Amino acid sequence: MPSLSEVTDDPRLRPFVHSLETAELGSDDLVRFQPHDGDDHVATMIQSSELYDSAARDTLRTLLTSDAKGTLYLFAQRRVVLGQRTSNVSYCHQALAALSLLPTMNDVPWTTWFLAALVLGGYAKDADVVTLFEGPSTPGGVRCQVLQNSLEHDGSLAQCHLALVSTTYGTGIIELPLPHDVPARGFSGAPVIDRTSSLYAPTMNLAQLAVDVADGLDQLEGTRTTGLTFSFLSIGASASVPNLGCLHCTAVRSEATFDVYVTEFESASSATQLTAELYEDEGVAVCSGAKVVLLKPQPNFDDDQLTSRPDTAALETLARDALLNY
């Protein structure tokens, strides 16, 4: 049994961490997901780590920096999406192997991406997953077994608080909030919706509309967008405006930064009412039927721009053009 100092001095470990810190992965946009060569480089590293003994893996976890942990987490998410898109279970195994290297129990997304890798990879009854998390007698191994046993008939993504979307980019995945993160409404404090999977249930391809809007923004000169993610929609003092689904990205322009929400309401009248009641300083809403694109400027504390309202004309035109197709 090697001593701690011998394992710490293992010549593989610090270069491994450095490679994770500097690795170039694809985007964290899992709606507009595209494969990236950097993912395969990290996959090779993860595969090699499975050959380390338990002492080396334990020490490796203590050496991981926040950047290295971020790489492992994003790699696992991207591998789950690729596994779903290609029906290749080996990608889900790679996701599980990456998550098994995270330093603490709290770092592992047990009820979302870990569970999704089990479901999509068909690992609900696979004892090798428990081995990845250091065996049945360890906290990680016990948690694995509990979650594996919780999956009935191999489970579904609805149990993972994830939703599949289909766009011109291919299959993507949206992470939905866990039940304790769902805002309450009214004096009773009851959740708006009991099942988180119902938080994203549009009647049309809302993800494709959001992609069209975000891609259009990226084509505007001097504009770039962040990844598309699920979002609650709040206007004014309202904690959450009821809707059938809402996706968000941030559009960064030279003169201002905007929060962009693409959502479908339960009815066209609800969408029209929102547009009519929106205060000028809260942004601009463009609607078509029950579908709304909301552009909300983020606060700007530049003294030279405090009194000027950001120009949204180009963004409004783009939103209207995108809505014409739906």
C-alpha atoms as a PDB file:
ATOM      1  CA  MET A   1       0.000   0.000   0.000  1.00  0.00           C
ATOM      2  CA  PRO A   2       1.705   3.283  -1.088  1.00  0.00           C
ATOM      3  CA  SER A   3       2.042   6.094   1.440  1.00  0.00           C
ATOM      4  CA  LEU A   4       0.179   9.392   0.977  1.00  0.00           C
ATOM      5  CA  SER A   5       3.395  11.185   0.037  1.00  0.00           C
ATOM      6  CA  GLU A   6       4.163   8.574  -2.596  1.00  0.00           C
ATOM      7  CA  VAL A   7       0.727   8.944  -4.144  1.00  0.00           C
ATOM      8  CA  THR A   8       0.901  12.766  -4.002  1.00  0.00           C
ATOM      9  CA  ASP A   9       4.197  12.588  -5.824  1.00  0.00           C
ATOM     10  CA  ASP A  10       2.659  10.361  -8.485  1.00  0.00           C
ATOM     11  CA  PRO A  11       3.946  12.042 -11.678  1.00  0.00           C
ATOM     12  CA  ARG A  12       0.589  11.513 -13.406  1.00  0.00           C
ATOM     13  CA  LEU A  13      -1.613  13.506 -11.068  1.00  0.00           C
ATOM     14  CA  ARG A  14      -0.604  17.175 -11.270  1.00  0.00           C
ATOM     15  CA  PRO A  15      -0.220  17.080 -15.083  1.00  0.00           C
ATOM     16  CA  PHE A  16      -3.669  15.462 -15.188  1.00  0.00           C
ATOM     17  CA  VAL A  17      -5.154  18.339 -13.190  1.00  0.00           C
ATOM     18  CA  HIS A  18      -3.328  20.925 -15.320  1.00  0.00           C
ATOM     19  CA  SER A  19      -4.678  19.313 -18.491  1.00  0.00           C
ATOM     20  CA  LEU A  20      -8.205  19.526 -17.102  1.00  0.00           C
ATOM     21  CA  GLU A  21      -7.690  23.190 -16.189  1.00  0.00           C
ATOM     22  CA  THR A  22      -6.551  24.098 -19.699  1.00  0.00           C
ATOM     23  CA  ALA A  23      -8.788  21.760 -21.688  1.00  0.00           C
ATOM     24  CA  GLU A  24     -10.868  23.327 -24.452  1.00  0.00           C
ATOM     25  CA  LEU A  25     -14.328  21.797 -24.513  1.00  0.00           C
ATOM     26  CA  GLY A  26     -17.325  22.641 -26.600  1.00  0.00           C
ATOM     27  CA  SER A  27     -19.878  25.197 -25.461  1.00  0.00           C
ATOM     28  CA  ASP A  28     -22.037  24.885 -22.357  1.00  0.00           C
ATOM     29  CA  ASP A  29     -25.038  25.515 -24.641  1.00  0.00           C
ATOM     30  CA  LEU A  30     -26.724  22.107 -24.522  1.00  0.00           C
ATOM     31  CA  VAL A  31     -29.603  23.239 -26.747  1.00  0.00           C
ATOM     32  CA  ARG A  32     -27.343  24.321 -29.598  1.00  0.00           C
ATOM     33  CA  PHE A  33     -25.043  21.387 -28.859  1.00  0.00           C
ATOM     34  CA  GLN A  34     -22.218  20.681 -31.318  1.00  0.00           C
ATOM     35  CA  PRO A  35     -19.465  18.050 -30.917  1.00  0.00           C
ATOM     36  CA  HIS A  36     -15.971  19.379 -30.253  1.00  0.00           C
ATOM     37  CA  ASP A  37     -12.555  17.747 -30.671  1.00  0.00           C
ATOM     38  CA  GLY A  38     -11.584  18.863 -27.168  1.00  0.00           C
ATOM     39  CA  ASP A  39     -14.243  16.567 -25.719  1.00  0.00           C
ATOM     40  CA  ASP A  40     -12.454  13.526 -27.135  1.00  0.00           C
ATOM     41  CA  HIS A  41      -9.155  14.667 -25.608  1.00  0.00           C
ATOM     42  CA  VAL A  42     -10.747  14.828 -22.168  1.00  0.00           C
ATOM     43  CA  ALA A  43     -12.438  11.471 -22.778  1.00  0.00           C
ATOM     44  CA  THR A  44      -9.006   9.886 -23.254  1.00  0.00           C
ATOM     45  CA  MET A  45      -7.864  11.395 -19.954  1.00  0.00           C
ATOM     46  CA  ILE A  46     -10.946  10.143 -18.129  1.00  0.00           C
ATOM     47  CA  GLN A  47     -10.431   6.662 -19.518  1.00  0.00           C
ATOM     48  CA  SER A  48      -6.842   6.620 -18.237  1.00  0.00           C
ATOM     49  CA  SER A  49      -7.978   7.695 -14.762  1.00  0.00           C
ATOM     50  CA  GLU A  50     -10.127   4.574 -14.468  1.00  0.00           C
ATOM     51  CA  LEU A  51      -6.884   2.583 -14.322  1.00  0.00           C
ATOM     52  CA  TYR A  52      -5.611   4.471 -11.247  1.00  0.00           C
ATOM     53  CA  ASP A  53      -5.824   2.672  -7.930  1.00  0.00           C
ATOM     54  CA  SER A  54      -8.188   4.017  -5.279  1.00  0.00           C
ATOM     55  CA  ALA A  55      -5.408   5.861  -3.402  1.00  0.00           C
ATOM     56  CA  ALA A  56      -4.350   7.747  -6.527  1.00  0.00           C
ATOM     57  CA  ARG A  57      -7.966   8.625  -7.375  1.00  0.00           C
ATOM     58  CA  ASP A  58      -8.550   9.877  -3.821  1.00  0.00           C
ATOM     59  CA  THR A  59      -5.477  12.089  -4.020  1.00  0.00           C
ATOM     60  CA  LEU A  60      -6.442  13.324  -7.462  1.00  0.00           C
ATOM     61  CA  ARG A  61      -9.738  14.569  -6.043  1.00  0.00           C
ATOM     62  CA  THR A  62      -7.897  16.638  -3.429  1.00  0.00           C
ATOM     63  CA  LEU A  63      -5.786  18.284  -6.156  1.00  0.00           C
ATOM     64  CA  LEU A  64      -8.675  19.362  -8.367  1.00  0.00           C
ATOM     65  CA  THR A  65      -9.105  23.117  -8.726  1.00  0.00           C
ATOM     66  CA  SER A  66     -12.395  24.854  -9.477  1.00  0.00           C
ATOM     67  CA  ASP A  67     -11.430  25.050 -13.161  1.00  0.00           C
ATOM     68  CA  ALA A  68     -10.644  21.344 -13.256  1.00  0.00           C
ATOM     69  CA  LYS A  69     -13.941  20.521 -11.554  1.00  0.00           C
ATOM     70  CA  GLY A  70     -15.764  22.744 -14.044  1.00  0.00           C
ATOM     71  CA  THR A  71     -14.201  20.823 -16.923  1.00  0.00           C
ATOM     72  CA  LEU A  72     -15.309  17.482 -15.476  1.00  0.00           C
ATOM     73  CA  TYR A  73     -18.853  18.739 -14.908  1.00  0.00           C
ATOM     74  CA  LEU A  74     -19.264  20.263 -18.379  1.00  0.00           C
ATOM     75  CA  PHE A  75     -17.663  17.229 -20.024  1.00  0.00           C
ATOM     76  CA  ALA A  76     -20.150  14.950 -18.268  1.00  0.00           C
ATOM     77  CA  GLN A  77     -23.108  17.076 -19.400  1.00  0.00           C
ATOM     78  CA  ARG A  78     -21.890  17.169 -22.986  1.00  0.00           C
ATOM     79  CA  ARG A  79     -21.259  13.403 -23.003  1.00  0.00           C
ATOM     80  CA  VAL A  80     -24.806  12.730 -21.803  1.00  0.00           C
ATOM     81  CA  VAL A  81     -26.190  14.870 -24.638  1.00  0.00           C
ATOM     82  CA  LEU A  82     -23.964  13.146 -27.191  1.00  0.00           C
ATOM     83  CA  GLY A  83     -24.952   9.748 -25.820  1.00  0.00           C
ATOM     84  CA  GLN A  84     -28.614  10.620 -26.269  1.00  0.00           C
ATOM     85  CA  ARG A  85     -28.051  12.017 -29.744  1.00  0.00           C
ATOM     86  CA  THR A  86     -26.041   9.028 -31.011  1.00  0.00           C
ATOM     87  CA  SER A  87     -27.556   6.224 -28.868  1.00  0.00           C
ATOM     88  CA  ASN A  88     -23.976   5.329 -27.895  1.00  0.00           C
ATOM     89  CA  VAL A  89     -23.895   4.144 -24.284  1.00  0.00           C
ATOM     90  CA  SER A  90     -20.100   4.495 -24.073  1.00  0.00           C
ATOM     91  CA  TYR A  91     -20.531   8.271 -23.888  1.00  0.00           C
ATOM     92  CA  CYS A  92     -22.772   7.850 -20.850  1.00  0.00           C
ATOM     93  CA  HIS A  93     -20.123   5.673 -19.220  1.00  0.00           C
ATOM     94  CA  GLN A  94     -17.559   8.436 -19.830  1.00  0.00           C
ATOM     95  CA  ALA A  95     -19.935  10.911 -18.193  1.00  0.00           C
ATOM     96  CA  LEU A  96     -20.225   8.699 -15.114  1.00  0.00           C
ATOM     97  CA  ALA A  97     -16.456   8.225 -14.974  1.00  0.00           C
ATOM     98  CA  ALA A  98     -15.935  11.992 -15.065  1.00  0.00           C
ATOM     99  CA  LEU A  99     -18.500  12.594 -12.313  1.00  0.00           C
ATOM    100  CA  SER A 100     -16.837   9.924 -10.171  1.00  0.00           C
ATOM    101  CA  LEU A 101     -13.709  12.106  -9.981  1.00  0.00           C
ATOM    102  CA  LEU A 102     -15.487  15.103  -8.439  1.00  0.00           C
ATOM    103  CA  PRO A 103     -14.099  15.769  -4.945  1.00  0.00           C
ATOM    104  CA  THR A 104     -17.179  15.558  -2.729  1.00  0.00           C
ATOM    105  CA  MET A 105     -20.635  13.995  -2.672  1.00  0.00           C
ATOM    106  CA  ASN A 106     -22.176  17.453  -2.987  1.00  0.00           C
ATOM    107  CA  ASP A 107     -20.266  18.115  -6.215  1.00  0.00           C
ATOM    108  CA  VAL A 108     -22.012  15.261  -8.047  1.00  0.00           C
ATOM    109  CA  PRO A 109     -25.336  16.145  -9.752  1.00  0.00           C
ATOM    110  CA  TRP A 110     -26.912  12.930  -8.485  1.00  0.00           C
ATOM    111  CA  THR A 111     -30.540  13.634  -9.364  1.00  0.00           C
ATOM    112  CA  THR A 112     -29.945  15.205 -12.780  1.00  0.00           C
ATOM    113  CA  TRP A 113     -26.926  14.387 -14.954  1.00  0.00           C
ATOM    114  CA  PHE A 114     -25.758  11.344 -12.985  1.00  0.00           C
ATOM    115  CA  LEU A 115     -29.254   9.871 -13.125  1.00  0.00           C
ATOM    116  CA  ALA A 116     -29.535  10.726 -16.830  1.00  0.00           C
ATOM    117  CA  ALA A 117     -26.290   8.876 -17.585  1.00  0.00           C
ATOM    118  CA  LEU A 118     -27.713   5.833 -15.783  1.00  0.00           C
ATOM    119  CA  VAL A 119     -30.984   6.018 -17.700  1.00  0.00           C
ATOM    120  CA  LEU A 120     -29.594   6.730 -21.173  1.00  0.00           C
ATOM    121  CA  GLY A 121     -26.698   4.338 -20.793  1.00  0.00           C
ATOM    122  CA  GLY A 122     -28.822   1.501 -19.467  1.00  0.00           C
ATOM    123  CA  TYR A 123     -26.769   1.357 -16.265  1.00  0.00           C
ATOM    124  CA  ALA A 124     -29.681   1.193 -13.826  1.00  0.00           C
ATOM    125  CA  LYS A 125     -28.651  -2.289 -12.667  1.00  0.00           C
ATOM    126  CA  ASP A 126     -24.932  -2.164 -13.505  1.00  0.00           C
ATOM    127  CA  ALA A 127     -22.672  -2.907 -10.519  1.00  0.00           C
ATOM    128  CA  ASP A 128     -19.652  -1.438 -12.355  1.00  0.00           C
ATOM    129  CA  VAL A 129     -21.075   2.040 -11.747  1.00  0.00           C
ATOM    130  CA  VAL A 130     -20.820   1.441  -8.016  1.00  0.00           C
ATOM    131  CA  THR A 131     -17.193   0.427  -8.510  1.00  0.00           C
ATOM    132  CA  LEU A 132     -16.511   3.727 -10.282  1.00  0.00           C
ATOM    133  CA  PHE A 133     -17.685   5.520  -7.162  1.00  0.00           C
ATOM    134  CA  GLU A 134     -15.290   3.525  -4.964  1.00  0.00           C
ATOM    135  CA  GLY A 135     -17.401   0.496  -4.127  1.00  0.00           C
ATOM    136  CA  PRO A 136     -20.529  -0.531  -2.194  1.00  0.00           C
ATOM    137  CA  SER A 137     -19.184   0.283   1.264  1.00  0.00           C
ATOM    138  CA  THR A 138     -18.407   3.939   0.536  1.00  0.00           C
ATOM    139  CA  PRO A 139     -20.814   6.928   0.671  1.00  0.00           C
ATOM    140  CA  GLY A 140     -20.571   7.376  -3.107  1.00  0.00           C
ATOM    141  CA  GLY A 141     -21.173   3.709  -3.775  1.00  0.00           C
ATOM    142  CA  VAL A 142     -24.157   3.627  -1.422  1.00  0.00           C
ATOM    143  CA  ARG A 143     -25.668   6.682  -3.136  1.00  0.00           C
ATOM    144  CA  CYS A 144     -25.210   4.983  -6.513  1.00  0.00           C
ATOM    145  CA  GLN A 145     -27.051   1.890  -5.341  1.00  0.00           C
ATOM    146  CA  VAL A 146     -29.908   3.879  -3.840  1.00  0.00           C
ATOM    147  CA  LEU A 147     -30.436   5.811  -7.072  1.00  0.00           C
ATOM    148  CA  GLN A 148     -30.112   2.701  -9.214  1.00  0.00           C
ATOM    149  CA  ASN A 149     -32.751   0.975  -7.116  1.00  0.00           C
ATOM    150  CA  SER A 150     -35.036   4.017  -7.436  1.00  0.00           C
ATOM    151  CA  LEU A 151     -35.278   3.630 -11.206  1.00  0.00           C
ATOM    152  CA  GLU A 152     -38.334   1.663 -12.238  1.00  0.00           C
ATOM    153  CA  HIS A 153     -38.043  -0.156 -15.566  1.00  0.00           C
ATOM    154  CA  ASP A 154     -34.692   1.587 -16.178  1.00  0.00           C
ATOM    155  CA  GLY A 155     -36.223   5.050 -15.660  1.00  0.00           C
ATOM    156  CA  SER A 156     -36.861   8.016 -17.924  1.00  0.00           C
ATOM    157  CA  LEU A 157     -35.495  11.542 -18.346  1.00  0.00           C
ATOM    158  CA  ALA A 158     -38.578  12.869 -16.549  1.00  0.00           C
ATOM    159  CA  GLN A 159     -37.064  11.439 -13.357  1.00  0.00           C
ATOM    160  CA  CYS A 160     -33.839  13.332 -14.056  1.00  0.00           C
ATOM    161  CA  HIS A 161     -35.364  16.826 -14.215  1.00  0.00           C
ATOM    162  CA  LEU A 162     -34.216  17.116 -17.818  1.00  0.00           C
ATOM    163  CA  ALA A 163     -36.172  17.730 -21.024  1.00  0.00           C
ATOM    164  CA  LEU A 164     -35.252  16.725 -24.565  1.00  0.00           C
ATOM    165  CA  VAL A 165     -35.482  19.295 -27.347  1.00  0.00           C
ATOM    166  CA  SER A 166     -35.007  18.964 -31.083  1.00  0.00           C
ATOM    167  CA  THR A 167     -33.651  21.777 -33.258  1.00  0.00           C
ATOM    168  CA  THR A 168     -31.650  22.247 -36.434  1.00  0.00           C
ATOM    169  CA  TYR A 169     -28.603  21.456 -34.316  1.00  0.00           C
ATOM    170  CA  GLY A 170     -30.007  18.014 -33.442  1.00  0.00           C
ATOM    171  CA  THR A 171     -31.156  16.643 -30.103  1.00  0.00           C
ATOM    172  CA  GLY A 172     -30.399  18.824 -27.101  1.00  0.00           C
ATOM    173  CA  ILE A 173     -31.206  18.722 -23.399  1.00  0.00           C
ATOM    174  CA  ILE A 174     -32.588  21.355 -21.031  1.00  0.00           C
ATOM    175  CA  GLU A 175     -31.972  21.100 -17.310  1.00  0.00           C
ATOM    176  CA  LEU A 176     -35.106  21.833 -15.291  1.00  0.00           C
ATOM    177  CA  PRO A 177     -35.116  23.062 -11.687  1.00  0.00           C
ATOM    178  CA  LEU A 178     -35.392  20.634  -8.811  1.00  0.00           C
ATOM    179  CA  PRO A 179     -38.663  20.761  -6.838  1.00  0.00           C
ATOM    180  CA  HIS A 180     -37.169  22.841  -4.019  1.00  0.00           C
ATOM    181  CA  ASP A 181     -36.076  25.472  -6.571  1.00  0.00           C
ATOM    182  CA  VAL A 182     -39.559  25.974  -8.021  1.00  0.00           C
ATOM    183  CA  PRO A 183     -40.941  29.374  -6.907  1.00  0.00           C
ATOM    184  CA  ALA A 184     -43.986  29.448  -4.712  1.00  0.00           C
ATOM    185  CA  ARG A 185     -47.074  31.460  -5.617  1.00  0.00           C
ATOM    186  CA  GLY A 186     -49.744  32.924  -3.390  1.00  0.00           C
ATOM    187  CA  PHE A 187     -50.035  33.086   0.373  1.00  0.00           C
ATOM    188  CA  SER A 188     -50.121  29.314   0.789  1.00  0.00           C
ATOM    189  CA  GLY A 189     -46.565  28.965  -0.481  1.00  0.00           C
ATOM    190  CA  ALA A 190     -47.627  26.031  -2.650  1.00  0.00           C
ATOM    191  CA  PRO A 191     -45.435  25.395  -5.700  1.00  0.00           C
ATOM    192  CA  VAL A 192     -46.653  26.689  -9.033  1.00  0.00           C
ATOM    193  CA  ILE A 193     -46.429  23.206 -10.535  1.00  0.00           C
ATOM    194  CA  ASP A 194     -45.956  19.943  -8.688  1.00  0.00           C
ATOM    195  CA  ARG A 195     -43.941  18.078 -11.341  1.00  0.00           C
ATOM    196  CA  THR A 196     -40.855  19.857 -12.617  1.00  0.00           C
ATOM    197  CA  SER A 197     -41.168  18.070 -15.951  1.00  0.00           C
ATOM    198  CA  SER A 198     -44.367  20.075 -16.511  1.00  0.00           C
ATOM    199  CA  LEU A 199     -42.398  23.318 -16.337  1.00  0.00           C
ATOM    200  CA  TYR A 200     -41.375  22.782 -19.949  1.00  0.00           C
ATOM    201  CA  ALA A 201     -44.402  21.624 -21.939  1.00  0.00           C
ATOM    202  CA  PRO A 202     -44.832  23.978 -24.925  1.00  0.00           C
ATOM    203  CA  THR A 203     -47.344  23.132 -27.630  1.00  0.00           C
ATOM    204  CA  MET A 204     -44.866  24.052 -30.377  1.00  0.00           C
ATOM    205  CA  ASN A 205     -41.119  23.748 -30.897  1.00  0.00           C
ATOM    206  CA  LEU A 206     -40.165  26.541 -28.522  1.00  0.00           C
ATOM    207  CA  ALA A 207     -36.517  25.463 -28.532  1.00  0.00           C
ATOM    208  CA  GLN A 208     -36.276  25.986 -32.283  1.00  0.00           C
ATOM    209  CA  LEU A 209     -37.807  29.456 -31.966  1.00  0.00           C
ATOM    210  CA  ALA A 210     -35.266  30.263 -29.245  1.00  0.00           C
ATOM    211  CA  VAL A 211     -32.460  28.966 -31.461  1.00  0.00           C
ATOM    212  CA  ASP A 212     -33.671  31.110 -34.374  1.00  0.00           C
ATOM    213  CA  VAL A 213     -33.716  34.185 -32.147  1.00  0.00           C
ATOM    214  CA  ALA A 214     -30.294  33.478 -30.579  1.00  0.00           C
ATOM    215  CA  ASP A 215     -28.645  32.624 -33.903  1.00  0.00           C
ATOM    216  CA  GLY A 216     -30.132  35.765 -35.419  1.00  0.00           C
ATOM    217  CA  LEU A 217     -28.708  37.854 -32.589  1.00  0.00           C
ATOM    218  CA  ASP A 218     -25.282  36.320 -33.128  1.00  0.00           C
ATOM    219  CA  GLN A 219     -25.428  37.464 -36.741  1.00  0.00           C
ATOM    220  CA  LEU A 220     -25.963  41.095 -35.735  1.00  0.00           C
ATOM    221  CA  GLU A 221     -22.738  43.071 -35.827  1.00  0.00           C
ATOM    222  CA  GLY A 222     -21.128  43.381 -32.412  1.00  0.00           C
ATOM    223  CA  THR A 223     -23.541  40.977 -30.725  1.00  0.00           C
ATOM    224  CA  ARG A 224     -22.898  37.604 -29.072  1.00  0.00           C
ATOM    225  CA  THR A 225     -25.191  35.379 -27.052  1.00  0.00           C
ATOM    226  CA  THR A 226     -24.684  33.000 -24.163  1.00  0.00           C
ATOM    227  CA  GLY A 227     -26.099  29.477 -24.052  1.00  0.00           C
ATOM    228  CA  LEU A 228     -29.821  28.790 -24.046  1.00  0.00           C
ATOM    229  CA  THR A 229     -31.163  27.488 -20.742  1.00  0.00           C
ATOM    230  CA  PHE A 230     -34.493  26.974 -19.022  1.00  0.00           C
ATOM    231  CA  SER A 231     -35.689  29.988 -17.055  1.00  0.00           C
ATOM    232  CA  PHE A 232     -38.574  31.161 -14.943  1.00  0.00           C
ATOM    233  CA  LEU A 233     -40.174  34.355 -16.215  1.00  0.00           C
ATOM    234  CA  SER A 234     -40.682  37.216 -13.783  1.00  0.00           C
ATOM    235  CA  ILE A 235     -42.094  40.630 -14.583  1.00  0.00           C
ATOM    236  CA  GLY A 236     -42.133  43.460 -12.070  1.00  0.00           C
ATOM    237  CA  ALA A 237     -42.949  42.208  -8.580  1.00  0.00           C
ATOM    238  CA  SER A 238     -44.216  38.834  -9.801  1.00  0.00           C
ATOM    239  CA  ALA A 239     -42.096  35.910  -8.613  1.00  0.00           C
ATOM    240  CA  SER A 240     -42.983  33.820 -11.640  1.00  0.00           C
ATOM    241  CA  VAL A 241     -45.345  34.417 -14.553  1.00  0.00           C
ATOM    242  CA  PRO A 242     -47.199  31.167 -15.457  1.00  0.00           C
ATOM    243  CA  ASN A 243     -46.263  29.837 -18.890  1.00  0.00           C
ATOM    244  CA  LEU A 244     -45.789  26.597 -20.825  1.00  0.00           C
ATOM    245  CA  GLY A 245     -42.028  26.962 -21.085  1.00  0.00           C
ATOM    246  CA  CYS A 246     -39.383  29.660 -21.163  1.00  0.00           C
ATOM    247  CA  LEU A 247     -35.833  29.651 -22.511  1.00  0.00           C
ATOM    248  CA  HIS A 248     -33.261  32.345 -21.784  1.00  0.00           C
ATOM    249  CA  CYS A 249     -29.980  33.637 -23.115  1.00  0.00           C
ATOM    250  CA  THR A 250     -28.019  36.844 -22.658  1.00  0.00           C
ATOM    251  CA  ALA A 251     -27.233  39.037 -25.652  1.00  0.00           C
ATOM    252  CA  VAL A 252     -24.136  41.175 -25.179  1.00  0.00           C
ATOM    253  CA  ARG A 253     -23.859  44.262 -27.376  1.00  0.00           C
ATOM    254  CA  SER A 254     -21.407  47.150 -27.303  1.00  0.00           C
ATOM    255  CA  GLU A 255     -24.000  49.596 -25.951  1.00  0.00           C
ATOM    256  CA  ALA A 256     -25.968  47.279 -23.634  1.00  0.00           C
ATOM    257  CA  THR A 257     -26.558  43.734 -22.431  1.00  0.00           C
ATOM    258  CA  PHE A 258     -30.015  42.189 -22.738  1.00  0.00           C
ATOM    259  CA  ASP A 259     -31.746  39.257 -21.124  1.00  0.00           C
ATOM    260  CA  VAL A 260     -33.659  37.484 -23.873  1.00  0.00           C
ATOM    261  CA  TYR A 261     -36.634  35.294 -22.940  1.00  0.00           C
ATOM    262  CA  VAL A 262     -38.508  33.160 -25.455  1.00  0.00           C
ATOM    263  CA  THR A 263     -41.720  31.791 -23.988  1.00  0.00           C
ATOM    264  CA  GLU A 264     -45.147  30.384 -24.783  1.00  0.00           C
ATOM    265  CA  PHE A 265     -48.125  31.403 -22.665  1.00  0.00           C
ATOM    266  CA  GLU A 266     -51.245  29.388 -22.026  1.00  0.00           C
ATOM    267  CA  SER A 267     -53.247  31.686 -24.326  1.00  0.00           C
ATOM    268  CA  ALA A 268     -52.818  34.529 -26.785  1.00  0.00           C
ATOM    269  CA  SER A 269     -54.758  36.813 -24.431  1.00  0.00           C
ATOM    270  CA  SER A 270     -52.210  36.198 -21.649  1.00  0.00           C
ATOM    271  CA  ALA A 271     -49.372  37.067 -24.027  1.00  0.00           C
ATOM    272  CA  THR A 272     -51.121  40.223 -25.203  1.00  0.00           C
ATOM    273  CA  GLN A 273     -51.818  41.280 -21.626  1.00  0.00           C
ATOM    274  CA  LEU A 274     -48.134  40.910 -20.711  1.00  0.00           C
ATOM    275  CA  THR A 275     -47.091  42.995 -23.678  1.00  0.00           C
ATOM    276  CA  ALA A 276     -49.591  45.707 -22.782  1.00  0.00           C
ATOM    277  CA  GLU A 277     -48.652  45.829 -19.091  1.00  0.00           C
ATOM    278  CA  LEU A 278     -44.887  45.804 -19.538  1.00  0.00           C
ATOM    279  CA  TYR A 279     -43.354  48.990 -18.200  1.00  0.00           C
ATOM    280  CA  GLU A 280     -40.943  50.739 -20.532  1.00  0.00           C
ATOM    281  CA  ASP A 281     -37.981  50.298 -18.184  1.00  0.00           C
ATOM    282  CA  GLU A 282     -38.686  46.558 -17.962  1.00  0.00           C
ATOM    283  CA  GLY A 283     -37.931  45.970 -21.630  1.00  0.00           C
ATOM    284  CA  VAL A 284     -39.780  45.253 -24.844  1.00  0.00           C
ATOM    285  CA  ALA A 285     -42.046  42.286 -25.595  1.00  0.00           C
ATOM    286  CA  VAL A 286     -42.807  41.113 -29.124  1.00  0.00           C
ATOM    287  CA  CYS A 287     -45.669  38.630 -29.363  1.00  0.00           C
ATOM    288  CA  SER A 288     -47.400  36.457 -31.936  1.00  0.00           C
ATOM    289  CA  GLY A 289     -50.380  34.555 -30.625  1.00  0.00           C
ATOM    290  CA  ALA A 290     -49.294  32.944 -27.342  1.00  0.00           C
ATOM    291  CA  LYS A 291     -45.586  33.224 -28.156  1.00  0.00           C
ATOM    292  CA  VAL A 292     -43.474  36.063 -26.759  1.00  0.00           C
ATOM    293  CA  VAL A 293     -39.892  37.226 -27.165  1.00  0.00           C
ATOM    294  CA  LEU A 294     -39.005  39.508 -24.258  1.00  0.00           C
ATOM    295  CA  LEU A 295     -35.941  41.768 -24.365  1.00  0.00           C
ATOM    296  CA  LYS A 296     -34.942  43.134 -20.962  1.00  0.00           C
ATOM    297  CA  PRO A 297     -31.914  45.452 -20.715  1.00  0.00           C
ATOM    298  CA  GLN A 298     -29.666  44.662 -17.775  1.00  0.00           C
ATOM    299  CA  PRO A 299     -28.846  47.526 -15.393  1.00  0.00           C
ATOM    300  CA  ASN A 300     -26.074  49.797 -16.629  1.00  0.00           C
ATOM    301  CA  PHE A 301     -24.161  51.788 -14.034  1.00  0.00           C
ATOM    302  CA  ASP A 302     -22.158  53.807 -16.532  1.00  0.00           C
ATOM    303  CA  ASP A 303     -22.833  57.470 -15.686  1.00  0.00           C
ATOM    304  CA  ASP A 304     -22.773  58.420 -19.369  1.00  0.00           C
ATOM    305  CA  GLN A 305     -25.583  55.991 -20.190  1.00  0.00           C
ATOM    306  CA  LEU A 306     -27.808  56.214 -17.112  1.00  0.00           C
ATOM    307  CA  THR A 307     -30.260  58.568 -18.793  1.00  0.00           C
ATOM    308  CA  SER A 308     -30.296  56.923 -22.228  1.00  0.00           C
ATOM    309  CA  ARG A 309     -32.485  53.957 -23.086  1.00  0.00           C
ATOM    310  CA  PRO A 310     -30.735  51.203 -25.111  1.00  0.00           C
ATOM    311  CA  ASP A 311     -31.766  51.007 -28.750  1.00  0.00           C
ATOM    312  CA  THR A 312     -33.774  47.820 -29.245  1.00  0.00           C
ATOM    313  CA  ALA A 313     -34.980  48.423 -32.813  1.00  0.00           C
ATOM    314  CA  ALA A 314     -32.713  45.852 -34.477  1.00  0.00           C
ATOM    315  CA  LEU A 315     -33.518  43.268 -31.795  1.00  0.00           C
ATOM    316  CA  GLU A 316     -37.264  43.851 -32.090  1.00  0.00           C
ATOM    317  CA  THR A 317     -37.126  43.444 -35.876  1.00  0.00           C
ATOM    318  CA  LEU A 318     -35.204  40.210 -35.503  1.00  0.00           C
ATOM    319  CA  ALA A 319     -37.709  38.876 -32.948  1.00  0.00           C
ATOM    320  CA  ARG A 320     -40.678  39.721 -35.181  1.00  0.00           C
ATOM    321  CA  ASP A 321     -39.045  38.036 -38.177  1.00  0.00           C
ATOM    322  CA  ALA A 322     -38.374  34.878 -36.124  1.00  0.00           C
ATOM    323  CA  LEU A 323     -41.951  34.770 -34.819  1.00  0.00           C
ATOM    324  CA  LEU A 324     -43.344  34.902 -38.386  1.00  0.00           C
ATOM    325  CA  ASN A 325     -42.266  31.275 -38.845  1.00  0.00           C
ATOM    326  CA  TYR A 326     -44.349  30.004 -35.890  1.00  0.00           C
END
